[in-house]
Amino acid sequence: MAARRVRDRNAGGRLHLTPEDEARLAWWREARFGMFIHWGLYAIPAGKWKGEDIPGIGEWIMHAARIPVVEYEPLAARFNPTRFDAGAWVGLAKKAGMKYLVITSKHHDGFAIYDSAVSDYDVVDATPFGRDVLAELAEACRKAGIRLCFYHSQDQDWHEPNASGNDWDDFPPPAKRDFEGYLREKVKPQLTELLTQYGPIGLIWFDTPMLITEAQSEDLRRFVHELQPDCLVSGRIGHGVGDYGSLGDNQIPPGRAVGAWETPATMNDTWGFKTEDHNWKSTTTLLHLLADLAGKGINYLLNVGPTAEGEIPRPSVERLEAIGRWMEVNGEAIYGTSPSPYAYAFDWGGITQKGSTLYLLLTHWPDAGLTLHGLRNKVKSAYLLAAPDITLEVSQTRNDDLDHDVLELELPPNGPDEHVSVVALELDGPASVDAAPLQQPDGSIELLAGMADLHVPKRGSRIEVHPGGVIANWYNKANWMSWKFKVVEPGKFDVKVVTGTLRHYGVWEGGHRIRVSVGGSSVSGATAADEQTGGARASYFPEHVTNLGRITIDSVGMHELKVRAEEINKSALGGVALASVRLQRA
């Protein structure tokens, strides 16, 4: 059977999209890159409460420090961001090449950043600032041609006794809360305000479904579409009913995504401003992530956390301006593109496509040219986006016996960009590639979980591919996985099993025993943290590599690799959270 994907309760979009759904998504797929803004009262304490540093992300300080409503609410009287300039914020997004802007109209603390008639706990009625932030942003977005979108916490509201999240104030226990009443009396009236007072809205970015039922999620989605039929609803509305899926915070799957997905991501480690968080990702890292996500068909929603005074931190500004300079030259390889025709990524970077053009986004410049296996098309021309008048030499060969195609691309000694250089390949038609996992030029083969055939011999058992690209719910030893892959240079291979976690900032969990076999050759062993996967992808969702041993593949052509679990640590979240199996030439 083909790999089955789990519809994540918290993150997933709907599995089957109608033509109407696809039409609604068209602008969002074209955009690819957006700005997230987390801004509210939490920017005042900025990670500190009563003189103490509070661990965790800035906008969750009320929750992390268990601050009672009566102590947190007075922050509103101190909120006076006199340096707020809607035009400057939107202008920065435009300069960075971002096409949509998502701002927190109300975060989990319950404070509205606009003039709400539902409650006086808002920026106009409760603060000395007294200005409707969203009205000013709506006007600035309209002038700049940026789509305005709103984050709105539909489930958690720590200010409200009948919402979820606040378990430190004298509120009813969750089972006795009138959550339906909260939806009826606060959430829907505020959504009505947001969707009737600020013009066309691109999407509503819901978050953290906890008490909400599937019926309530469905009803809320219908409610948004009734008010604005073209407004998208994010996957975090809950129960997989969103118009598109939202991956975990800073989550990047190892291979191409299936469906419509977005990754919300930070520039440092927090969303709301936090004084002591100076762990800024470099411009190079941010552009590598943009290239990687675009190649996997995933939108990149990159966050800024303005200060209490209303300024976007200078490190964010510098990085966004640098990204904008890159986009001026290379944006063609991002906007309106489809994901790579290959299901897997490459060690040199990613691929996007548009029409009959492939874009190779080189995050690591190859020293001796680039070799690409499996491209069926003929290349009519090749050039760098930064120097389109200079033609690059291409040679293509084919082995009919192996049904194997090889492209050799000559490159200059150095790439034109210090971050990501882009090569455009003009093809003789829409890209056509060998769909099988292929042995790469360095002799390695990587078999991603999302490309596996999943075998579930026992009725009622489960094994699925999580949207984050790892196996979920593998608790039953009777279940197993297999891949068919192509070898062009047989020999001995070291077997490396990569396992991850389904939990954001999670602790990697081992305790499993895995057997890998190819033909008559097999190895087995306990999952261990022999190596840690590096890079930004594993920074928030840790991965470890287990070196199982060495196998022999003694012939060219198609082979089948099988993975079985001989022992499973059932206390591990999701069971065996397998991400991939790597065969590395010995």
Foldseek 3Di string as FASTA:
>chain_A
DAFFEDQDFQFAAAPDADPLLVVLCQVVLQQLEAAEEEEDLLLVCQQDDPRDGFDDFSVCCCQRVVPACVRSLLSQAVQAQQVADLLVVVVLCVLLSGAAYEYECADLQGEGAADAPLDLSYNQNRYPNNHGSLQRNLVNCVVSNHAYAYEYALAHHCNDLQGDDNPRPPHDPPVPHPSVVCCVRPVLSVLLCVLPPRPDHAEYEYGDDDSDDPVNLVVVQVSNCVSPVSYFYGCSSGDNHGSGGEAPALADAQWAFDTEYEHEYEQFRHAAGHPPTPRGDALLQVVLVSQRQQQNSYRYHYGFHAHSNNHTDPVVSVSSNVSSVVCVQVVVQRRPWGHHPAGGADPQGGWTDDWQKIKGKGQDDDQFFDKDKFWPWDFPWKDWSNCRVDTWDKDKDADPVQRMIMITTGDPRDAPDPRITMMMTRTPGHIDGDHAFEQDPQRKTKFFSNRKDKDDPDPPADWHQYSSRWIFRPPDQVIKIKGKHWGDDWWKWWKKWKFWASDWQDDDDWDWKKKKDKVPWIFIDTDDQPDWDDGSNCPGITMGIDGGGMTGDDDGHMIMMMMGIPGWDVVGHRIGGTTIMMIGHD
